[in-house]
Amino acid sequence: MRVVVAGASGMIGTALVAALRSAGHDVLRLVRRPPSGADERQWDPAAGTADDGAFAGADAVVNLGGAGIGDKRWSGSRKQEIRDSRIAPTDVLARAVARHCVPTFLSASAVGFYGDTGDAEVTEISPMGTGFLAEACADWEAATAPAAEAGARVALLRTGLVLSPTGGLLGKLKPLYALALGGRLGDGRQYFPWISLADELGAITFVLDNPSISGPVNLTGPDPVTNAEFNRALGAAMRRPAPWVVPGFAIRALIGEFAQECLLAGQRAVPAVLEASGYTFQHQTVAAALRYACP
């Protein structure tokens, strides 16, 4: 299979390219600078252009791009950057998929689509929530429309919190827990919809290989946990106590709107489509995922 990957330099993208190549697939990476290797093709999402040679003969396009949600405080300009880095590039890719009749388009999204769901379980048929992230995710997903209208199979990868041995969420948390500075956030009852990096890659590959899967797909582990449960599991994986509590008001004061939407709220999202389609998780519990990510 020939697969074109946008966002190939990120944590998930880098690992996905390696996994696809190990499985024998031909992978082209879209880059925004002049290409420096035979496996690279240039595109300019801001200008709405992409090297047509990247898509000719492609079997699938995987879109993983986007500015980090939690990398900076959410100012008005940062929120616009988060939207701009997702919606317009997705539209460029969707139109390229349509123009070149690429049969499959997998596009990243997030469980933030559902908003804060409390302790209610949500699946792919659950409605859109409220808030900045929910609206951004809805518009992000809507940008895939040109591909779907042209007849491509479109899967929307609503990813949770990816637990990786390197980088990502744990890249920020592990140094704190190593110093026994870990603890729950607020009352700890908000859900953390985790997934191991191994299962993130496995699920994306599974969706690529299964033409019956389209529409929203929750990329989350099968056993969602609360923040308090996640905190205890990470402390155990790091072999360190995690006794602290960071009050909600303090998190809001330090981080602002991001804290309210992403740290003090959550989604009890379950991977209904993956499970119904027969995907077998490598890490069934958060404890197993953290043992993998904290060797």
C-alpha atoms as a PDB file:
ATOM      1  CA  MET A   1       0.000   0.000   0.000  1.00  0.00           C
ATOM      2  CA  ARG A   2       1.233   3.490  -0.819  1.00  0.00           C
ATOM      3  CA  VAL A   3       0.450   5.844   2.079  1.00  0.00           C
ATOM      4  CA  VAL A   4       0.936   9.616   2.187  1.00  0.00           C
ATOM      5  CA  VAL A   5       1.379  10.983   5.725  1.00  0.00           C
ATOM      6  CA  ALA A   6       0.954  14.611   6.780  1.00  0.00           C
ATOM      7  CA  GLY A   7       2.230  15.462  10.254  1.00  0.00           C
ATOM      8  CA  ALA A   8       4.907  12.795   9.915  1.00  0.00           C
ATOM      9  CA  SER A   9       7.405  14.632  12.128  1.00  0.00           C
ATOM     10  CA  GLY A  10       5.266  14.553  15.291  1.00  0.00           C
ATOM     11  CA  MET A  11       5.399  11.891  17.989  1.00  0.00           C
ATOM     12  CA  ILE A  12       2.602   9.801  16.492  1.00  0.00           C
ATOM     13  CA  GLY A  13       3.534  10.518  12.874  1.00  0.00           C
ATOM     14  CA  THR A  14       7.175   9.522  13.293  1.00  0.00           C
ATOM     15  CA  ALA A  15       6.210   6.248  14.943  1.00  0.00           C
ATOM     16  CA  LEU A  16       3.476   5.564  12.372  1.00  0.00           C
ATOM     17  CA  VAL A  17       5.821   6.029   9.415  1.00  0.00           C
ATOM     18  CA  ALA A  18       8.249   3.546  10.961  1.00  0.00           C
ATOM     19  CA  ALA A  19       5.458   1.057  11.717  1.00  0.00           C
ATOM     20  CA  LEU A  20       4.008   1.259   8.203  1.00  0.00           C
ATOM     21  CA  ARG A  21       7.401   0.752   6.620  1.00  0.00           C
ATOM     22  CA  SER A  22       8.100  -2.207   8.888  1.00  0.00           C
ATOM     23  CA  ALA A  23       4.842  -3.713   7.627  1.00  0.00           C
ATOM     24  CA  GLY A  24       6.059  -3.354   4.036  1.00  0.00           C
ATOM     25  CA  HIS A  25       4.124  -0.240   2.996  1.00  0.00           C
ATOM     26  CA  ASP A  26       5.531   2.522   0.776  1.00  0.00           C
ATOM     27  CA  VAL A  27       5.300   5.801   2.733  1.00  0.00           C
ATOM     28  CA  LEU A  28       5.638   9.372   1.471  1.00  0.00           C
ATOM     29  CA  ARG A  29       5.932  12.202   3.994  1.00  0.00           C
ATOM     30  CA  LEU A  30       4.515  15.655   3.307  1.00  0.00           C
ATOM     31  CA  VAL A  31       6.843  18.433   4.490  1.00  0.00           C
ATOM     32  CA  ARG A  32       6.506  22.225   4.468  1.00  0.00           C
ATOM     33  CA  ARG A  33      10.174  22.861   3.627  1.00  0.00           C
ATOM     34  CA  PRO A  34      11.982  21.908   0.424  1.00  0.00           C
ATOM     35  CA  PRO A  35      12.231  18.091   0.311  1.00  0.00           C
ATOM     36  CA  SER A  36      15.554  16.637   1.437  1.00  0.00           C
ATOM     37  CA  GLY A  37      14.887  12.972   0.787  1.00  0.00           C
ATOM     38  CA  ALA A  38      13.332  10.711  -1.826  1.00  0.00           C
ATOM     39  CA  ASP A  39      10.428   9.934   0.503  1.00  0.00           C
ATOM     40  CA  GLU A  40       9.413  13.590   0.954  1.00  0.00           C
ATOM     41  CA  ARG A  41       7.028  15.802  -0.990  1.00  0.00           C
ATOM     42  CA  GLN A  42       6.382  19.477  -0.320  1.00  0.00           C
ATOM     43  CA  TRP A  43       3.097  21.146   0.511  1.00  0.00           C
ATOM     44  CA  ASP A  44       2.036  24.584   1.688  1.00  0.00           C
ATOM     45  CA  PRO A  45      -1.280  24.438   3.561  1.00  0.00           C
ATOM     46  CA  ALA A  46      -1.387  28.212   4.028  1.00  0.00           C
ATOM     47  CA  ALA A  47      -1.237  28.700   0.268  1.00  0.00           C
ATOM     48  CA  GLY A  48      -3.567  25.756  -0.340  1.00  0.00           C
ATOM     49  CA  THR A  49      -1.037  23.886  -2.447  1.00  0.00           C
ATOM     50  CA  ALA A  50       0.571  20.451  -2.425  1.00  0.00           C
ATOM     51  CA  ASP A  51       2.850  18.538  -4.765  1.00  0.00           C
ATOM     52  CA  ASP A  52       0.468  16.585  -6.972  1.00  0.00           C
ATOM     53  CA  GLY A  53       3.130  13.926  -7.382  1.00  0.00           C
ATOM     54  CA  ALA A  54       2.590  12.923  -3.759  1.00  0.00           C
ATOM     55  CA  PHE A  55      -0.954  11.737  -4.403  1.00  0.00           C
ATOM     56  CA  ALA A  56      -0.740  10.099  -7.812  1.00  0.00           C
ATOM     57  CA  GLY A  57      -1.185   6.384  -7.265  1.00  0.00           C
ATOM     58  CA  ALA A  58      -1.651   6.733  -3.497  1.00  0.00           C
ATOM     59  CA  ASP A  59      -3.860   4.179  -1.739  1.00  0.00           C
ATOM     60  CA  ALA A  60      -4.394   6.281   1.383  1.00  0.00           C
ATOM     61  CA  VAL A  61      -3.672   9.643   2.967  1.00  0.00           C
ATOM     62  CA  VAL A  62      -3.223   9.951   6.736  1.00  0.00           C
ATOM     63  CA  ASN A  63      -3.545  13.432   8.217  1.00  0.00           C
ATOM     64  CA  LEU A  64      -1.966  13.874  11.662  1.00  0.00           C
ATOM     65  CA  GLY A  65      -1.013  17.570  11.639  1.00  0.00           C
ATOM     66  CA  GLY A  66      -1.892  20.294  14.129  1.00  0.00           C
ATOM     67  CA  ALA A  67      -0.343  22.640  16.683  1.00  0.00           C
ATOM     68  CA  GLY A  68      -0.066  21.205  20.200  1.00  0.00           C
ATOM     69  CA  ILE A  69      -3.228  21.713  22.248  1.00  0.00           C
ATOM     70  CA  GLY A  70      -1.435  22.125  25.567  1.00  0.00           C
ATOM     71  CA  ASP A  71       1.898  23.573  24.496  1.00  0.00           C
ATOM     72  CA  LYS A  72       0.991  27.190  25.285  1.00  0.00           C
ATOM     73  CA  ARG A  73      -1.577  29.170  27.252  1.00  0.00           C
ATOM     74  CA  TRP A  74      -4.783  29.693  25.272  1.00  0.00           C
ATOM     75  CA  SER A  75      -4.714  33.314  24.200  1.00  0.00           C
ATOM     76  CA  GLY A  76      -7.018  34.431  21.422  1.00  0.00           C
ATOM     77  CA  SER A  77      -4.184  34.163  18.921  1.00  0.00           C
ATOM     78  CA  ARG A  78      -3.161  30.712  20.179  1.00  0.00           C
ATOM     79  CA  LYS A  79      -6.709  29.400  19.828  1.00  0.00           C
ATOM     80  CA  GLN A  80      -6.796  30.713  16.277  1.00  0.00           C
ATOM     81  CA  GLU A  81      -3.460  29.010  15.598  1.00  0.00           C
ATOM     82  CA  ILE A  82      -4.869  25.708  16.901  1.00  0.00           C
ATOM     83  CA  ARG A  83      -7.789  26.013  14.490  1.00  0.00           C
ATOM     84  CA  ASP A  84      -5.735  27.256  11.546  1.00  0.00           C
ATOM     85  CA  SER A  85      -3.209  24.430  11.899  1.00  0.00           C
ATOM     86  CA  ARG A  86      -5.973  21.847  11.559  1.00  0.00           C
ATOM     87  CA  ILE A  87      -8.911  23.032   9.497  1.00  0.00           C
ATOM     88  CA  ALA A  88      -7.314  24.624   6.417  1.00  0.00           C
ATOM     89  CA  PRO A  89      -4.636  21.893   6.011  1.00  0.00           C
ATOM     90  CA  THR A  90      -7.307  19.201   6.274  1.00  0.00           C
ATOM     91  CA  ASP A  91      -9.300  20.929   3.551  1.00  0.00           C
ATOM     92  CA  VAL A  92      -6.196  21.023   1.308  1.00  0.00           C
ATOM     93  CA  LEU A  93      -5.643  17.299   1.809  1.00  0.00           C
ATOM     94  CA  ALA A  94      -9.311  16.426   1.336  1.00  0.00           C
ATOM     95  CA  ARG A  95      -9.377  18.274  -1.988  1.00  0.00           C
ATOM     96  CA  ALA A  96      -6.175  16.519  -3.078  1.00  0.00           C
ATOM     97  CA  VAL A  97      -7.732  13.160  -2.154  1.00  0.00           C
ATOM     98  CA  ALA A  98     -10.794  14.060  -4.224  1.00  0.00           C
ATOM     99  CA  ARG A  99      -8.775  15.349  -7.199  1.00  0.00           C
ATOM    100  CA  HIS A 100      -6.557  12.269  -7.382  1.00  0.00           C
ATOM    101  CA  CYS A 101      -9.271   9.732  -6.504  1.00  0.00           C
ATOM    102  CA  VAL A 102      -7.367   8.423  -3.484  1.00  0.00           C
ATOM    103  CA  PRO A 103      -9.666   5.750  -2.030  1.00  0.00           C
ATOM    104  CA  THR A 104      -8.963   6.241   1.693  1.00  0.00           C
ATOM    105  CA  PHE A 105      -8.511   9.333   3.868  1.00  0.00           C
ATOM    106  CA  LEU A 106      -7.770   8.990   7.597  1.00  0.00           C
ATOM    107  CA  SER A 107      -7.877  12.331   9.383  1.00  0.00           C
ATOM    108  CA  ALA A 108      -6.995  13.103  12.969  1.00  0.00           C
ATOM    109  CA  SER A 109      -9.506  14.497  15.409  1.00  0.00           C
ATOM    110  CA  ALA A 110      -9.849  14.257  19.188  1.00  0.00           C
ATOM    111  CA  VAL A 111     -12.224  13.079  21.888  1.00  0.00           C
ATOM    112  CA  GLY A 112     -12.523  16.759  22.765  1.00  0.00           C
ATOM    113  CA  PHE A 113     -15.326  16.636  20.168  1.00  0.00           C
ATOM    114  CA  TYR A 114     -17.601  15.367  22.952  1.00  0.00           C
ATOM    115  CA  GLY A 115     -16.860  18.196  25.391  1.00  0.00           C
ATOM    116  CA  ASP A 116     -17.010  17.454  29.112  1.00  0.00           C
ATOM    117  CA  THR A 117     -19.122  14.316  29.483  1.00  0.00           C
ATOM    118  CA  GLY A 118     -18.774  13.755  33.236  1.00  0.00           C
ATOM    119  CA  ASP A 119     -19.173  10.068  34.063  1.00  0.00           C
ATOM    120  CA  ALA A 120     -21.466   9.341  31.115  1.00  0.00           C
ATOM    121  CA  GLU A 121     -19.962   6.835  28.674  1.00  0.00           C
ATOM    122  CA  VAL A 122     -19.623   8.153  25.131  1.00  0.00           C
ATOM    123  CA  THR A 123     -19.221   6.279  21.860  1.00  0.00           C
ATOM    124  CA  GLU A 124     -18.865   7.401  18.263  1.00  0.00           C
ATOM    125  CA  ILE A 125     -22.622   8.038  17.979  1.00  0.00           C
ATOM    126  CA  SER A 126     -22.642  10.439  20.946  1.00  0.00           C
ATOM    127  CA  PRO A 127     -23.372  14.073  20.056  1.00  0.00           C
ATOM    128  CA  MET A 128     -20.936  16.953  19.832  1.00  0.00           C
ATOM    129  CA  GLY A 129     -20.307  18.733  23.120  1.00  0.00           C
ATOM    130  CA  THR A 130     -19.734  22.398  23.903  1.00  0.00           C
ATOM    131  CA  GLY A 131     -16.628  24.520  24.263  1.00  0.00           C
ATOM    132  CA  PHE A 132     -13.715  25.654  22.150  1.00  0.00           C
ATOM    133  CA  LEU A 133     -12.279  22.173  21.572  1.00  0.00           C
ATOM    134  CA  ALA A 134     -15.609  20.629  20.654  1.00  0.00           C
ATOM    135  CA  GLU A 135     -16.244  23.347  18.072  1.00  0.00           C
ATOM    136  CA  ALA A 136     -12.682  23.126  16.736  1.00  0.00           C
ATOM    137  CA  CYS A 137     -12.944  19.335  16.374  1.00  0.00           C
ATOM    138  CA  ALA A 138     -16.303  19.596  14.611  1.00  0.00           C
ATOM    139  CA  ASP A 139     -14.912  22.088  12.089  1.00  0.00           C
ATOM    140  CA  TRP A 140     -11.760  19.995  11.710  1.00  0.00           C
ATOM    141  CA  GLU A 141     -13.819  16.940  10.853  1.00  0.00           C
ATOM    142  CA  ALA A 142     -16.108  18.923   8.547  1.00  0.00           C
ATOM    143  CA  ALA A 143     -13.052  19.930   6.486  1.00  0.00           C
ATOM    144  CA  THR A 144     -12.801  16.323   5.250  1.00  0.00           C
ATOM    145  CA  ALA A 145     -16.080  16.760   3.315  1.00  0.00           C
ATOM    146  CA  PRO A 146     -14.531  17.175  -0.172  1.00  0.00           C
ATOM    147  CA  ALA A 147     -12.941  13.729   0.128  1.00  0.00           C
ATOM    148  CA  ALA A 148     -16.168  12.078   1.274  1.00  0.00           C
ATOM    149  CA  GLU A 149     -18.176  13.821  -1.434  1.00  0.00           C
ATOM    150  CA  ALA A 150     -15.767  12.449  -4.033  1.00  0.00           C
ATOM    151  CA  GLY A 151     -16.396   8.915  -2.804  1.00  0.00           C
ATOM    152  CA  ALA A 152     -13.330   8.348  -0.632  1.00  0.00           C
ATOM    153  CA  ARG A 153     -13.615   6.319   2.547  1.00  0.00           C
ATOM    154  CA  VAL A 154     -13.084   8.847   5.351  1.00  0.00           C
ATOM    155  CA  ALA A 155     -12.280   7.824   8.918  1.00  0.00           C
ATOM    156  CA  LEU A 156     -12.121  10.445  11.677  1.00  0.00           C
ATOM    157  CA  LEU A 157      -9.566   9.413  14.288  1.00  0.00           C
ATOM    158  CA  ARG A 158     -10.844  10.808  17.600  1.00  0.00           C
ATOM    159  CA  THR A 159      -7.738  10.251  19.680  1.00  0.00           C
ATOM    160  CA  GLY A 160      -7.451  10.372  23.450  1.00  0.00           C
ATOM    161  CA  LEU A 161      -4.365  10.957  25.606  1.00  0.00           C
ATOM    162  CA  VAL A 162      -1.534   8.988  24.030  1.00  0.00           C
ATOM    163  CA  LEU A 163       0.798   7.273  26.516  1.00  0.00           C
ATOM    164  CA  SER A 164       4.234   7.013  24.932  1.00  0.00           C
ATOM    165  CA  PRO A 165       7.615   5.910  26.289  1.00  0.00           C
ATOM    166  CA  THR A 166       8.986   9.167  24.843  1.00  0.00           C
ATOM    167  CA  GLY A 167       7.368  12.584  24.708  1.00  0.00           C
ATOM    168  CA  GLY A 168       3.727  13.524  24.776  1.00  0.00           C
ATOM    169  CA  LEU A 169       1.774  13.795  28.014  1.00  0.00           C
ATOM    170  CA  LEU A 170       4.091  11.474  29.930  1.00  0.00           C
ATOM    171  CA  GLY A 171       7.121  13.423  28.769  1.00  0.00           C
ATOM    172  CA  LYS A 172       5.813  16.259  30.947  1.00  0.00           C
ATOM    173  CA  LEU A 173       4.525  14.149  33.834  1.00  0.00           C
ATOM    174  CA  LYS A 174       7.283  11.585  34.388  1.00  0.00           C
ATOM    175  CA  PRO A 175       9.889  14.087  35.675  1.00  0.00           C
ATOM    176  CA  LEU A 176       7.389  15.316  38.282  1.00  0.00           C
ATOM    177  CA  TYR A 177       6.411  11.825  39.386  1.00  0.00           C
ATOM    178  CA  ALA A 178      10.065  10.787  39.545  1.00  0.00           C
ATOM    179  CA  LEU A 179      10.487  13.480  42.200  1.00  0.00           C
ATOM    180  CA  ALA A 180       7.341  12.313  44.041  1.00  0.00           C
ATOM    181  CA  LEU A 181       5.568  15.504  42.982  1.00  0.00           C
ATOM    182  CA  GLY A 182       2.680  13.778  41.227  1.00  0.00           C
ATOM    183  CA  GLY A 183      -0.930  14.139  42.274  1.00  0.00           C
ATOM    184  CA  ARG A 184      -4.488  14.373  41.157  1.00  0.00           C
ATOM    185  CA  LEU A 185      -5.953  17.451  39.495  1.00  0.00           C
ATOM    186  CA  GLY A 186      -8.924  19.036  41.232  1.00  0.00           C
ATOM    187  CA  ASP A 187     -11.353  16.470  42.624  1.00  0.00           C
ATOM    188  CA  GLY A 188      -9.895  13.800  40.304  1.00  0.00           C
ATOM    189  CA  ARG A 189     -13.296  12.630  39.110  1.00  0.00           C
ATOM    190  CA  GLN A 190     -12.844  13.831  35.518  1.00  0.00           C
ATOM    191  CA  TYR A 191     -12.133  11.052  33.036  1.00  0.00           C
ATOM    192  CA  PHE A 192      -8.782  10.678  31.242  1.00  0.00           C
ATOM    193  CA  PRO A 193      -9.403   8.823  27.940  1.00  0.00           C
ATOM    194  CA  TRP A 194      -5.976   7.215  27.512  1.00  0.00           C
ATOM    195  CA  ILE A 195      -4.483   4.998  24.799  1.00  0.00           C
ATOM    196  CA  SER A 196      -0.979   3.548  24.541  1.00  0.00           C
ATOM    197  CA  LEU A 197       1.161   4.638  21.607  1.00  0.00           C
ATOM    198  CA  ALA A 198       1.395   0.990  20.555  1.00  0.00           C
ATOM    199  CA  ASP A 199      -2.396   0.768  20.308  1.00  0.00           C
ATOM    200  CA  GLU A 200      -2.641   4.184  18.651  1.00  0.00           C
ATOM    201  CA  LEU A 201      -0.416   2.862  15.877  1.00  0.00           C
ATOM    202  CA  GLY A 202      -2.116  -0.517  15.851  1.00  0.00           C
ATOM    203  CA  ALA A 203      -5.558   1.065  15.603  1.00  0.00           C
ATOM    204  CA  ILE A 204      -4.582   3.430  12.774  1.00  0.00           C
ATOM    205  CA  THR A 205      -3.081   0.529  10.834  1.00  0.00           C
ATOM    206  CA  PHE A 206      -6.184  -1.568  11.570  1.00  0.00           C
ATOM    207  CA  VAL A 207      -8.465   1.177  10.210  1.00  0.00           C
ATOM    208  CA  LEU A 208      -6.252   1.537   7.126  1.00  0.00           C
ATOM    209  CA  ASP A 209      -6.524  -2.180   6.440  1.00  0.00           C
ATOM    210  CA  ASN A 210     -10.289  -2.493   7.026  1.00  0.00           C
ATOM    211  CA  PRO A 211     -12.367  -0.916   4.242  1.00  0.00           C
ATOM    212  CA  SER A 212     -15.593  -1.407   6.203  1.00  0.00           C
ATOM    213  CA  ILE A 213     -14.567   1.218   8.798  1.00  0.00           C
ATOM    214  CA  SER A 214     -15.493   4.824   8.107  1.00  0.00           C
ATOM    215  CA  GLY A 215     -16.755   7.832  10.009  1.00  0.00           C
ATOM    216  CA  PRO A 216     -15.758   8.607  13.611  1.00  0.00           C
ATOM    217  CA  VAL A 217     -13.472   6.132  15.376  1.00  0.00           C
ATOM    218  CA  ASN A 218     -12.558   6.603  19.035  1.00  0.00           C
ATOM    219  CA  LEU A 219      -8.859   5.869  19.487  1.00  0.00           C
ATOM    220  CA  THR A 220      -8.981   5.276  23.223  1.00  0.00           C
ATOM    221  CA  GLY A 221      -8.233   2.369  25.502  1.00  0.00           C
ATOM    222  CA  PRO A 222     -11.062  -0.026  26.393  1.00  0.00           C
ATOM    223  CA  ASP A 223     -11.059   0.834  30.113  1.00  0.00           C
ATOM    224  CA  PRO A 224     -11.244   4.622  30.675  1.00  0.00           C
ATOM    225  CA  VAL A 225     -10.224   5.870  34.107  1.00  0.00           C
ATOM    226  CA  THR A 226     -10.654   8.994  36.183  1.00  0.00           C
ATOM    227  CA  ASN A 227      -7.812  11.406  36.834  1.00  0.00           C
ATOM    228  CA  ALA A 228      -7.503  10.070  40.389  1.00  0.00           C
ATOM    229  CA  GLU A 229      -7.206   6.496  39.088  1.00  0.00           C
ATOM    230  CA  PHE A 230      -4.701   7.576  36.444  1.00  0.00           C
ATOM    231  CA  ASN A 231      -2.649   9.360  39.114  1.00  0.00           C
ATOM    232  CA  ARG A 232      -2.476   6.234  41.284  1.00  0.00           C
ATOM    233  CA  ALA A 233      -1.567   4.047  38.304  1.00  0.00           C
ATOM    234  CA  LEU A 234       1.200   6.394  37.148  1.00  0.00           C
ATOM    235  CA  GLY A 235       2.613   6.609  40.677  1.00  0.00           C
ATOM    236  CA  ALA A 236       2.678   2.806  40.820  1.00  0.00           C
ATOM    237  CA  ALA A 237       4.323   2.545  37.394  1.00  0.00           C
ATOM    238  CA  MET A 238       6.980   5.084  38.454  1.00  0.00           C
ATOM    239  CA  ARG A 239       7.350   3.419  41.879  1.00  0.00           C
ATOM    240  CA  ARG A 240       6.839   6.769  43.569  1.00  0.00           C
ATOM    241  CA  PRO A 241       4.171   8.140  45.880  1.00  0.00           C
ATOM    242  CA  ALA A 242       1.765  10.578  44.251  1.00  0.00           C
ATOM    243  CA  PRO A 243       0.039  12.130  47.254  1.00  0.00           C
ATOM    244  CA  TRP A 244      -0.539  15.676  46.127  1.00  0.00           C
ATOM    245  CA  VAL A 245      -3.719  17.468  45.127  1.00  0.00           C
ATOM    246  CA  VAL A 246      -3.591  20.487  42.837  1.00  0.00           C
ATOM    247  CA  PRO A 247      -6.722  22.553  43.513  1.00  0.00           C
ATOM    248  CA  GLY A 248      -8.854  23.395  40.532  1.00  0.00           C
ATOM    249  CA  PHE A 249      -8.713  27.133  41.194  1.00  0.00           C
ATOM    250  CA  ALA A 250      -4.914  27.046  41.160  1.00  0.00           C
ATOM    251  CA  ILE A 251      -4.817  25.205  37.814  1.00  0.00           C
ATOM    252  CA  ARG A 252      -7.269  27.678  36.316  1.00  0.00           C
ATOM    253  CA  ALA A 253      -5.203  30.612  37.567  1.00  0.00           C
ATOM    254  CA  LEU A 254      -1.980  29.172  36.136  1.00  0.00           C
ATOM    255  CA  ILE A 255      -3.200  27.799  32.822  1.00  0.00           C
ATOM    256  CA  GLY A 256      -6.538  29.436  32.130  1.00  0.00           C
ATOM    257  CA  GLU A 257      -9.142  28.085  29.716  1.00  0.00           C
ATOM    258  CA  PHE A 258      -7.043  25.071  28.714  1.00  0.00           C
ATOM    259  CA  ALA A 259      -7.200  23.863  32.313  1.00  0.00           C
ATOM    260  CA  GLN A 260     -10.979  24.027  32.414  1.00  0.00           C
ATOM    261  CA  GLU A 261     -11.502  22.196  29.120  1.00  0.00           C
ATOM    262  CA  CYS A 262      -8.637  19.696  29.149  1.00  0.00           C
ATOM    263  CA  LEU A 263      -7.429  19.093  32.701  1.00  0.00           C
ATOM    264  CA  LEU A 264     -10.492  19.560  34.895  1.00  0.00           C
ATOM    265  CA  ALA A 265     -12.922  18.098  32.350  1.00  0.00           C
ATOM    266  CA  GLY A 266     -12.819  14.873  30.380  1.00  0.00           C
ATOM    267  CA  GLN A 267     -14.557  12.200  28.360  1.00  0.00           C
ATOM    268  CA  ARG A 268     -15.433   8.669  29.363  1.00  0.00           C
ATOM    269  CA  ALA A 269     -14.897   7.661  25.750  1.00  0.00           C
ATOM    270  CA  VAL A 270     -14.871   4.004  24.736  1.00  0.00           C
ATOM    271  CA  PRO A 271     -13.643   2.519  21.425  1.00  0.00           C
ATOM    272  CA  ALA A 272     -16.940   1.010  20.321  1.00  0.00           C
ATOM    273  CA  VAL A 273     -16.129   0.940  16.598  1.00  0.00           C
ATOM    274  CA  LEU A 274     -12.713  -0.654  17.080  1.00  0.00           C
ATOM    275  CA  GLU A 275     -14.080  -3.319  19.409  1.00  0.00           C
ATOM    276  CA  ALA A 276     -17.064  -4.084  17.160  1.00  0.00           C
ATOM    277  CA  SER A 277     -14.679  -4.398  14.206  1.00  0.00           C
ATOM    278  CA  GLY A 278     -12.472  -6.933  15.990  1.00  0.00           C
ATOM    279  CA  TYR A 279      -9.435  -4.878  16.991  1.00  0.00           C
ATOM    280  CA  THR A 280      -7.475  -6.521  19.826  1.00  0.00           C
ATOM    281  CA  PHE A 281      -5.800  -4.068  22.193  1.00  0.00           C
ATOM    282  CA  GLN A 282      -2.228  -4.703  23.227  1.00  0.00           C
ATOM    283  CA  HIS A 283      -2.882  -2.801  26.461  1.00  0.00           C
ATOM    284  CA  GLN A 284      -6.304  -3.429  27.944  1.00  0.00           C
ATOM    285  CA  THR A 285      -5.823  -1.406  31.140  1.00  0.00           C
ATOM    286  CA  VAL A 286      -4.149   1.872  32.040  1.00  0.00           C
ATOM    287  CA  ALA A 287      -1.788  -0.052  34.337  1.00  0.00           C
ATOM    288  CA  ALA A 288      -0.584  -2.164  31.407  1.00  0.00           C
ATOM    289  CA  ALA A 289      -0.249   0.899  29.178  1.00  0.00           C
ATOM    290  CA  LEU A 290       1.810   2.721  31.816  1.00  0.00           C
ATOM    291  CA  ARG A 291       4.074  -0.278  32.377  1.00  0.00           C
ATOM    292  CA  TYR A 292       4.768  -0.163  28.627  1.00  0.00           C
ATOM    293  CA  ALA A 293       5.305   3.621  28.642  1.00  0.00           C
ATOM    294  CA  CYS A 294       7.356   3.759  31.863  1.00  0.00           C
ATOM    295  CA  PRO A 295       9.891   0.944  31.457  1.00  0.00           C
END
